[in-house]
Amino acid sequence: MAELVYRPVVGLALTMFKAWDLKIDVKGSENIPRSGGAVLVSNHISYLDFIFNGLAALPQKRLVRFMAKESVFRHKISGPLMRGMKHIPVDRKNGEAAYAHALDSLRSGEIIGVFPEATISQSFTLKSFKSGAVRLAQEAGVPLVPMAVWGTQRLWTKGQPRNFKRSHTPITVRVGEALEASRDQYAGALTRRLRETVQELLDAAQRAYPGRPKDAGDSWWLPAHLGGTAPTQEQLRAAEAR
């Protein structure tokens, strides 16, 4: 089937990355299946994560259909693009339709991208994972492919201004080996194992990351445990409770 929107958008994104002089380091793309369905699972720290997740699949000649909140599809610019790329809208109050859509896509051999944290982590650390990705993989009989991105929060994230200038920003992406998601496995245990695997990949991406803050005022994009000034999850929960 011709991809009249997705492939031109990919080409535009690659052109923009070159203009911004991003330093993109992707390792593990060979772990993404060349054919057949799979659930691609990533951490979520930026509005642009799905672009770099999808970039990791290009060497395998795969296009990823991402599950994204329904409001993005209503936007006058992003909406037509998201629909044209066959991404999947998710109504958080009624997710059954999105789940059924994703399941059909997996069974037809598509790769579905899922952010099991559901929202951007403003602490830039992993939040708890919802079990939907695991349940999709189990029901469709496809593998889970864990991955992690790092550095994308420096471009555009929640609560911070966008940085689309020529910034030489490093972006690190790590893709892990696929996890089998058989139906006889308990979904909760497999979700915990999946989160642990993504955490390992995130740790590896952070260790490999070449960028460091220029000064204390530029450390907002680093989590507290790495010496940065990003709020911890506990601080964020306390702020929400006030």
Protein backbone atom coordinates (compact mmCIF):
# COMPACT_ATOMS: atom_id res chain seq x y z
CA MET A 1 0.00 0.00 0.00
CA ALA A 2 1.37 3.40 -0.98
CA GLU A 3 2.33 5.70 1.90
CA LEU A 4 1.40 9.05 0.38
CA VAL A 5 1.83 10.96 3.65
CA TYR A 6 4.14 8.99 5.95
CA ARG A 7 7.19 8.77 3.69
CA PRO A 8 7.18 12.47 2.69
CA VAL A 9 6.82 13.39 6.39
CA VAL A 10 9.81 11.17 7.22
CA GLY A 11 11.81 12.91 4.49
CA LEU A 12 10.84 16.33 5.86
CA ALA A 13 11.78 15.29 9.40
CA LEU A 14 15.22 14.08 8.27
CA THR A 15 15.77 17.37 6.44
CA MET A 16 14.85 19.34 9.57
CA PHE A 17 17.14 17.21 11.73
CA LYS A 18 19.99 18.00 9.37
CA ALA A 19 19.15 21.71 9.47
CA TRP A 20 19.11 21.61 13.29
CA ASP A 21 22.42 19.68 13.16
CA LEU A 22 21.16 17.07 15.59
CA LYS A 23 23.66 14.40 16.58
CA ILE A 24 21.50 11.27 16.43
CA ASP A 25 22.93 8.02 17.77
CA VAL A 26 20.71 4.97 17.21
CA LYS A 27 21.75 1.46 18.21
CA GLY A 28 19.76 -1.78 18.17
CA SER A 29 17.57 -1.18 15.12
CA GLU A 30 18.25 -4.77 14.08
CA ASN A 31 16.04 -5.86 16.99
CA ILE A 32 12.97 -4.48 15.23
CA PRO A 33 11.34 -7.24 13.12
CA ARG A 34 11.63 -6.82 9.37
CA SER A 35 8.15 -8.25 8.94
CA GLY A 36 5.10 -9.05 11.00
CA GLY A 37 3.43 -7.31 13.87
CA ALA A 38 5.17 -5.99 16.99
CA VAL A 39 4.50 -3.57 19.83
CA LEU A 40 7.24 -0.95 20.12
CA VAL A 41 7.43 0.37 23.69
CA SER A 42 9.34 3.49 24.74
CA ASN A 43 9.82 5.93 27.58
CA HIS A 44 8.19 9.33 27.06
CA ILE A 45 10.05 12.59 27.78
CA SER A 46 9.21 14.81 24.79
CA TYR A 47 6.49 15.71 22.32
CA LEU A 48 8.89 14.48 19.59
CA ASP A 49 9.67 11.02 20.97
CA PHE A 50 7.51 9.23 18.42
CA ILE A 51 9.55 10.72 15.58
CA PHE A 52 12.81 9.32 16.92
CA ASN A 53 11.18 6.00 17.83
CA GLY A 54 10.03 5.77 14.22
CA LEU A 55 13.47 6.76 12.97
CA ALA A 56 14.94 3.70 14.67
CA ALA A 57 12.67 1.46 12.57
CA LEU A 58 13.70 2.89 9.20
CA PRO A 59 16.80 0.66 8.76
CA GLN A 60 14.43 -2.31 8.93
CA LYS A 61 12.20 -0.61 6.33
CA ARG A 62 9.31 -0.43 8.82
CA LEU A 63 6.85 2.35 9.53
CA VAL A 64 5.41 2.55 13.04
CA ARG A 65 1.77 3.43 13.77
CA PHE A 66 1.67 5.25 17.10
CA MET A 67 -1.15 5.42 19.59
CA ALA A 68 -1.62 9.09 20.51
CA LYS A 69 -4.16 11.16 22.39
CA GLU A 70 -7.23 11.99 20.36
CA SER A 71 -6.85 15.78 20.68
CA VAL A 72 -3.76 15.68 18.44
CA PHE A 73 -5.97 14.36 15.64
CA ARG A 74 -8.32 17.34 16.00
CA HIS A 75 -5.58 19.91 15.42
CA LYS A 76 -5.83 21.62 12.04
CA ILE A 77 -2.20 20.87 11.15
CA SER A 78 -1.23 17.72 13.01
CA GLY A 79 -4.64 16.08 12.57
CA PRO A 80 -4.49 15.46 8.80
CA LEU A 81 -0.88 14.33 9.09
CA MET A 82 -1.59 11.88 11.93
CA ARG A 83 -4.53 10.41 10.05
CA GLY A 84 -2.56 10.25 6.82
CA MET A 85 0.21 8.33 8.57
CA LYS A 86 -2.41 5.93 9.97
CA HIS A 87 -1.60 6.61 13.60
CA ILE A 88 -4.24 5.59 16.14
CA PRO A 89 -6.28 8.13 18.15
CA VAL A 90 -6.84 7.29 21.81
CA ASP A 91 -9.76 8.65 23.80
CA ARG A 92 -8.50 8.28 27.36
CA LYS A 93 -12.06 8.14 28.72
CA ASN A 94 -13.05 5.37 26.32
CA GLY A 95 -10.05 3.44 25.03
CA GLU A 96 -11.82 0.33 23.73
CA ALA A 97 -12.01 1.57 20.14
CA ALA A 98 -8.30 2.45 20.07
CA TYR A 99 -7.41 -0.94 21.57
CA ALA A 100 -9.48 -2.76 18.91
CA HIS A 101 -7.92 -0.63 16.15
CA ALA A 102 -4.40 -1.38 17.40
CA LEU A 103 -5.17 -5.09 17.71
CA ASP A 104 -6.43 -5.26 14.12
CA SER A 105 -3.30 -3.44 12.93
CA LEU A 106 -1.01 -5.83 14.80
CA ARG A 107 -2.80 -8.85 13.36
CA SER A 108 -2.39 -7.40 9.86
CA GLY A 109 1.39 -7.18 10.38
CA GLU A 110 1.85 -3.57 11.48
CA ILE A 111 4.20 -2.26 14.18
CA ILE A 112 2.32 -0.30 16.82
CA GLY A 113 4.12 2.28 18.97
CA VAL A 114 3.00 2.66 22.60
CA PHE A 115 4.09 4.93 25.45
CA PRO A 116 3.02 2.88 28.50
CA GLU A 117 3.62 5.81 30.87
CA ALA A 118 0.66 7.44 29.03
CA THR A 119 1.98 10.99 29.52
CA ILE A 120 5.31 12.81 29.34
CA SER A 121 7.46 12.31 32.42
CA GLN A 122 8.48 15.78 33.59
CA SER A 123 11.02 14.24 35.98
CA PHE A 124 12.62 12.53 32.93
CA THR A 125 12.59 9.29 34.89
CA LEU A 126 10.37 6.28 34.22
CA LYS A 127 6.89 6.40 35.68
CA SER A 128 4.82 3.30 36.24
CA PHE A 129 3.75 1.38 33.12
CA LYS A 130 0.15 0.66 32.19
CA SER A 131 -0.44 -2.91 31.01
CA GLY A 132 -2.08 -2.11 27.67
CA ALA A 133 1.04 -2.69 25.57
CA VAL A 134 1.58 -6.13 27.08
CA ARG A 135 -2.08 -7.11 26.69
CA LEU A 136 -2.03 -6.03 23.03
CA ALA A 137 1.08 -8.09 22.32
CA GLN A 138 -0.33 -11.13 24.11
CA GLU A 139 -3.69 -10.99 22.37
CA ALA A 140 -2.18 -10.41 18.93
CA GLY A 141 0.57 -13.00 19.42
CA VAL A 142 3.38 -10.56 18.61
CA PRO A 143 6.62 -9.58 20.40
CA LEU A 144 7.29 -6.52 22.52
CA VAL A 145 10.24 -4.40 21.37
CA PRO A 146 11.59 -2.19 24.20
CA MET A 147 13.43 1.02 23.49
CA ALA A 148 14.55 4.26 25.13
CA VAL A 149 15.20 7.79 23.92
CA TRP A 150 17.30 10.47 25.60
CA GLY A 151 18.00 14.10 24.73
CA THR A 152 14.65 14.67 23.02
CA GLN A 153 13.45 16.65 26.05
CA ARG A 154 15.97 19.35 25.14
CA LEU A 155 14.07 20.04 21.91
CA TRP A 156 10.47 20.21 23.10
CA THR A 157 8.92 18.95 26.31
CA LYS A 158 6.12 19.79 28.66
CA GLY A 159 6.61 23.04 30.56
CA GLN A 160 9.65 24.20 28.55
CA PRO A 161 10.01 26.38 25.44
CA ARG A 162 10.70 24.70 22.12
CA ASN A 163 14.29 24.69 20.88
CA PHE A 164 14.27 24.26 17.12
CA LYS A 165 17.34 26.32 16.37
CA ARG A 166 20.61 24.90 15.06
CA SER A 167 21.68 23.55 18.42
CA HIS A 168 23.87 20.48 17.71
CA THR A 169 21.77 18.67 20.33
CA PRO A 170 22.67 15.00 20.80
CA ILE A 171 19.81 12.49 20.65
CA THR A 172 20.42 8.92 21.81
CA VAL A 173 18.15 5.98 20.98
CA ARG A 174 18.60 2.42 22.18
CA VAL A 175 16.50 -0.55 21.03
CA GLY A 176 16.55 -3.77 23.01
CA GLU A 177 15.95 -7.38 22.08
CA ALA A 178 12.34 -8.38 21.58
CA LEU A 179 10.44 -9.92 24.49
CA GLU A 180 8.07 -12.81 23.90
CA ALA A 181 4.54 -12.05 25.08
CA SER A 182 2.83 -15.42 25.32
CA ARG A 183 -0.69 -15.62 26.68
CA ASP A 184 0.31 -17.90 29.54
CA GLN A 185 2.41 -15.13 31.12
CA TYR A 186 0.82 -12.95 33.78
CA ALA A 187 0.38 -9.48 32.24
CA GLY A 188 1.39 -7.68 35.43
CA ALA A 189 4.68 -9.58 35.75
CA LEU A 190 5.49 -9.09 32.08
CA THR A 191 4.72 -5.36 32.38
CA ARG A 192 7.20 -5.12 35.28
CA ARG A 193 9.82 -6.99 33.26
CA LEU A 194 9.18 -4.68 30.30
CA ARG A 195 9.63 -1.60 32.47
CA GLU A 196 12.88 -2.99 33.91
CA THR A 197 14.16 -3.59 30.37
CA VAL A 198 13.27 -0.06 29.25
CA GLN A 199 14.99 1.26 32.38
CA GLU A 200 18.16 -0.64 31.46
CA LEU A 201 18.03 0.82 27.95
CA LEU A 202 17.46 4.31 29.35
CA ASP A 203 20.45 3.91 31.68
CA ALA A 204 22.55 2.81 28.69
CA ALA A 205 21.36 5.78 26.61
CA GLN A 206 22.22 8.18 29.43
CA ARG A 207 25.68 6.68 29.88
CA ALA A 208 26.37 7.02 26.16
CA TYR A 209 25.00 10.56 25.94
CA PRO A 210 27.71 13.10 25.11
CA GLY A 211 25.88 16.28 26.13
CA ARG A 212 26.35 17.93 29.51
CA PRO A 213 24.84 21.15 30.91
CA LYS A 214 26.90 24.27 30.23
CA ASP A 215 26.13 25.60 33.70
CA ALA A 216 23.76 25.03 36.63
CA GLY A 217 21.05 27.07 34.92
CA ASP A 218 21.07 24.69 31.96
CA SER A 219 20.58 21.52 33.99
CA TRP A 220 16.76 21.55 33.84
CA TRP A 221 16.76 18.61 31.39
CA LEU A 222 18.68 16.31 33.73
CA PRO A 223 16.86 14.32 36.43
CA ALA A 224 17.81 14.92 40.03
CA HIS A 225 19.63 11.58 40.41
CA LEU A 226 22.00 12.66 37.61
CA GLY A 227 22.69 16.02 39.22
CA GLY A 228 20.07 18.02 37.34
CA THR A 229 17.29 20.32 38.48
CA ALA A 230 14.30 18.52 36.95
CA PRO A 231 11.61 17.95 39.59
CA THR A 232 11.38 14.49 41.09
CA GLN A 233 8.21 12.45 40.71
CA GLU A 234 7.51 13.00 44.42
CA GLN A 235 7.77 16.79 43.97
CA LEU A 236 5.45 16.67 40.96
CA ARG A 237 2.86 14.62 42.85
CA ALA A 238 3.03 17.05 45.78
CA ALA A 239 2.53 20.02 43.44
CA GLU A 240 -0.50 18.36 41.84
CA ALA A 241 -2.00 17.67 45.25
CA ARG A 242 -1.82 21.34 46.30
